[in-house]
Amino acid sequence: MRKRSVIITLGVVAFAFALILFVKGAKHEAELTKTISWVRYVTGCLQHYVKEEGSFPESLEAVISAGYMDSEFMDHFFPGVEVVYQKPIEGADVSFSVLEVRFEGRTILVNKEFERSVIR
């Protein structure tokens, strides 16, 4: 009888541990999905800015102040995420990264042609 209750206890502990790992992984994937969505939004705002203004902005704040992007959206999405924007210099290669977003070991790059790539 005692052996049976030990086996049941171990089974319950193993199940609880597996459930915790599953929830942790699901939360991480949800945060990554949210970050990728944010990158798509910012990429669209940059594209619109460049199309309307004729050149890349000096900063992401310039995109906000020109009315192409919502500042509250930016503030809401980035605890723990590093964002680097660089205006391309004249004659920069097509692969020049204008936006680099780092999140938990992954980096999302957006080049000056607005193509995204993920580095793990």
C-alpha atoms as a PDB file:
ATOM      1  CA  MET A   1       0.000   0.000   0.000  1.00  0.00           C
ATOM      2  CA  ARG A   2       2.810   2.420   0.917  1.00  0.00           C
ATOM      3  CA  LYS A   3       4.623   1.690  -2.353  1.00  0.00           C
ATOM      4  CA  ARG A   4       1.476   2.546  -4.298  1.00  0.00           C
ATOM      5  CA  SER A   5       1.060   5.930  -2.567  1.00  0.00           C
ATOM      6  CA  VAL A   6       4.726   6.775  -3.245  1.00  0.00           C
ATOM      7  CA  ILE A   7       4.239   5.983  -6.931  1.00  0.00           C
ATOM      8  CA  ILE A   8       1.084   8.114  -7.054  1.00  0.00           C
ATOM      9  CA  THR A   9       2.864  10.986  -5.288  1.00  0.00           C
ATOM     10  CA  LEU A  10       5.780  10.794  -7.711  1.00  0.00           C
ATOM     11  CA  GLY A  11       3.342  10.771 -10.633  1.00  0.00           C
ATOM     12  CA  VAL A  12       1.557  13.865  -9.328  1.00  0.00           C
ATOM     13  CA  VAL A  13       4.870  15.676  -8.767  1.00  0.00           C
ATOM     14  CA  ALA A  14       6.079  14.768 -12.271  1.00  0.00           C
ATOM     15  CA  PHE A  15       2.796  15.959 -13.779  1.00  0.00           C
ATOM     16  CA  ALA A  16       2.974  19.254 -11.856  1.00  0.00           C
ATOM     17  CA  PHE A  17       6.560  19.787 -12.975  1.00  0.00           C
ATOM     18  CA  ALA A  18       5.652  19.094 -16.621  1.00  0.00           C
ATOM     19  CA  LEU A  19       2.723  21.500 -16.361  1.00  0.00           C
ATOM     20  CA  ILE A  20       4.976  24.248 -14.955  1.00  0.00           C
ATOM     21  CA  LEU A  21       7.450  23.778 -17.817  1.00  0.00           C
ATOM     22  CA  PHE A  22       4.631  23.855 -20.361  1.00  0.00           C
ATOM     23  CA  VAL A  23       3.173  27.085 -18.941  1.00  0.00           C
ATOM     24  CA  LYS A  24       6.608  28.722 -18.793  1.00  0.00           C
ATOM     25  CA  GLY A  25       7.296  27.775 -22.433  1.00  0.00           C
ATOM     26  CA  ALA A  26       3.865  28.983 -23.535  1.00  0.00           C
ATOM     27  CA  LYS A  27       4.421  32.338 -21.807  1.00  0.00           C
ATOM     28  CA  HIS A  28       7.795  32.751 -23.531  1.00  0.00           C
ATOM     29  CA  GLU A  29       6.290  31.946 -26.940  1.00  0.00           C
ATOM     30  CA  ALA A  30       3.453  34.422 -26.311  1.00  0.00           C
ATOM     31  CA  GLU A  31       5.970  37.152 -25.466  1.00  0.00           C
ATOM     32  CA  LEU A  32       7.970  36.340 -28.594  1.00  0.00           C
ATOM     33  CA  THR A  33       4.815  36.493 -30.731  1.00  0.00           C
ATOM     34  CA  LYS A  34       3.939  39.843 -29.189  1.00  0.00           C
ATOM     35  CA  THR A  35       7.449  41.147 -29.933  1.00  0.00           C
ATOM     36  CA  ILE A  36       7.298  39.961 -33.557  1.00  0.00           C
ATOM     37  CA  SER A  37       3.916  41.687 -33.946  1.00  0.00           C
ATOM     38  CA  TRP A  38       5.434  44.884 -32.552  1.00  0.00           C
ATOM     39  CA  VAL A  39       8.301  44.656 -35.056  1.00  0.00           C
ATOM     40  CA  ARG A  40       5.786  44.287 -37.900  1.00  0.00           C
ATOM     41  CA  TYR A  41       3.894  47.339 -36.646  1.00  0.00           C
ATOM     42  CA  VAL A  42       7.049  49.466 -36.375  1.00  0.00           C
ATOM     43  CA  THR A  43       8.229  48.255 -39.795  1.00  0.00           C
ATOM     44  CA  GLY A  44       4.908  49.352 -41.320  1.00  0.00           C
ATOM     45  CA  CYS A  45       5.155  52.745 -39.612  1.00  0.00           C
ATOM     46  CA  LEU A  46       8.716  53.210 -40.894  1.00  0.00           C
ATOM     47  CA  GLN A  47       7.655  52.235 -44.416  1.00  0.00           C
ATOM     48  CA  HIS A  48       4.814  54.723 -44.321  1.00  0.00           C
ATOM     49  CA  TYR A  49       7.111  57.460 -42.977  1.00  0.00           C
ATOM     50  CA  VAL A  50       9.724  56.832 -45.687  1.00  0.00           C
ATOM     51  CA  LYS A  51       7.064  56.770 -48.408  1.00  0.00           C
ATOM     52  CA  GLU A  52       5.483  60.037 -47.257  1.00  0.00           C
ATOM     53  CA  GLU A  53       8.578  61.937 -46.098  1.00  0.00           C
ATOM     54  CA  GLY A  54      11.055  60.668 -48.710  1.00  0.00           C
ATOM     55  CA  SER A  55      13.783  59.551 -46.286  1.00  0.00           C
ATOM     56  CA  PHE A  56      14.348  57.578 -43.119  1.00  0.00           C
ATOM     57  CA  PRO A  57      13.681  59.375 -39.828  1.00  0.00           C
ATOM     58  CA  GLU A  58      16.466  60.391 -37.466  1.00  0.00           C
ATOM     59  CA  SER A  59      14.901  58.283 -34.689  1.00  0.00           C
ATOM     60  CA  LEU A  60      11.792  56.307 -33.784  1.00  0.00           C
ATOM     61  CA  GLU A  61      10.713  59.313 -31.718  1.00  0.00           C
ATOM     62  CA  ALA A  62      10.608  61.322 -34.970  1.00  0.00           C
ATOM     63  CA  VAL A  63       8.154  58.761 -36.378  1.00  0.00           C
ATOM     64  CA  ILE A  64       5.973  59.261 -33.298  1.00  0.00           C
ATOM     65  CA  SER A  65       6.140  63.058 -33.365  1.00  0.00           C
ATOM     66  CA  ALA A  66       5.257  63.063 -37.082  1.00  0.00           C
ATOM     67  CA  GLY A  67       2.117  61.054 -36.240  1.00  0.00           C
ATOM     68  CA  TYR A  68       3.033  57.806 -37.980  1.00  0.00           C
ATOM     69  CA  MET A  69       3.299  55.734 -34.785  1.00  0.00           C
ATOM     70  CA  ASP A  70       1.555  55.679 -31.396  1.00  0.00           C
ATOM     71  CA  SER A  71       3.869  56.367 -28.440  1.00  0.00           C
ATOM     72  CA  GLU A  72       1.682  54.423 -25.991  1.00  0.00           C
ATOM     73  CA  PHE A  73       2.062  51.320 -28.135  1.00  0.00           C
ATOM     74  CA  MET A  74       5.846  51.572 -27.870  1.00  0.00           C
ATOM     75  CA  ASP A  75       5.820  52.094 -24.109  1.00  0.00           C
ATOM     76  CA  HIS A  76       3.507  49.135 -23.554  1.00  0.00           C
ATOM     77  CA  PHE A  77       5.528  46.504 -25.407  1.00  0.00           C
ATOM     78  CA  PHE A  78       9.100  46.687 -24.252  1.00  0.00           C
ATOM     79  CA  PRO A  79       9.953  45.570 -20.739  1.00  0.00           C
ATOM     80  CA  GLY A  80      13.144  43.526 -21.159  1.00  0.00           C
ATOM     81  CA  VAL A  81      13.424  44.068 -24.908  1.00  0.00           C
ATOM     82  CA  GLU A  82      16.319  46.020 -26.391  1.00  0.00           C
ATOM     83  CA  VAL A  83      15.521  48.147 -29.446  1.00  0.00           C
ATOM     84  CA  VAL A  84      18.146  49.810 -31.639  1.00  0.00           C
ATOM     85  CA  TYR A  85      17.179  52.042 -34.572  1.00  0.00           C
ATOM     86  CA  GLN A  86      19.771  53.439 -36.984  1.00  0.00           C
ATOM     87  CA  LYS A  87      19.103  55.757 -39.870  1.00  0.00           C
ATOM     88  CA  PRO A  88      20.954  54.362 -42.895  1.00  0.00           C
ATOM     89  CA  ILE A  89      23.750  56.517 -44.210  1.00  0.00           C
ATOM     90  CA  GLU A  90      23.657  57.513 -47.853  1.00  0.00           C
ATOM     91  CA  GLY A  91      24.820  54.656 -50.070  1.00  0.00           C
ATOM     92  CA  ALA A  92      24.340  52.032 -47.352  1.00  0.00           C
ATOM     93  CA  ASP A  93      24.078  48.447 -48.536  1.00  0.00           C
ATOM     94  CA  VAL A  94      20.603  46.896 -48.885  1.00  0.00           C
ATOM     95  CA  SER A  95      21.381  44.607 -45.945  1.00  0.00           C
ATOM     96  CA  PHE A  96      21.953  47.579 -43.586  1.00  0.00           C
ATOM     97  CA  SER A  97      19.829  46.970 -40.456  1.00  0.00           C
ATOM     98  CA  VAL A  98      17.699  49.965 -39.582  1.00  0.00           C
ATOM     99  CA  LEU A  99      15.967  48.171 -36.706  1.00  0.00           C
ATOM    100  CA  GLU A 100      17.393  45.582 -34.332  1.00  0.00           C
ATOM    101  CA  VAL A 101      15.230  44.084 -31.599  1.00  0.00           C
ATOM    102  CA  ARG A 102      16.774  41.733 -29.024  1.00  0.00           C
ATOM    103  CA  PHE A 103      14.559  39.516 -26.893  1.00  0.00           C
ATOM    104  CA  GLU A 104      15.744  36.620 -24.721  1.00  0.00           C
ATOM    105  CA  GLY A 105      18.577  35.434 -26.924  1.00  0.00           C
ATOM    106  CA  ARG A 106      16.855  36.139 -30.234  1.00  0.00           C
ATOM    107  CA  THR A 107      17.458  39.109 -32.498  1.00  0.00           C
ATOM    108  CA  ILE A 108      15.017  40.383 -35.096  1.00  0.00           C
ATOM    109  CA  LEU A 109      16.595  42.527 -37.804  1.00  0.00           C
ATOM    110  CA  VAL A 110      14.840  44.799 -40.298  1.00  0.00           C
ATOM    111  CA  ASN A 111      16.968  45.984 -43.214  1.00  0.00           C
ATOM    112  CA  LYS A 112      16.547  49.212 -45.153  1.00  0.00           C
ATOM    113  CA  GLU A 113      14.325  47.379 -47.669  1.00  0.00           C
ATOM    114  CA  PHE A 114      12.007  46.510 -44.705  1.00  0.00           C
ATOM    115  CA  GLU A 115      12.739  42.778 -44.855  1.00  0.00           C
ATOM    116  CA  ARG A 116      12.759  41.008 -41.485  1.00  0.00           C
ATOM    117  CA  SER A 117      15.021  38.186 -40.347  1.00  0.00           C
ATOM    118  CA  VAL A 118      15.414  36.386 -37.032  1.00  0.00           C
ATOM    119  CA  ILE A 119      18.730  35.319 -35.552  1.00  0.00           C
ATOM    120  CA  ARG A 120      18.632  32.763 -32.751  1.00  0.00           C
END
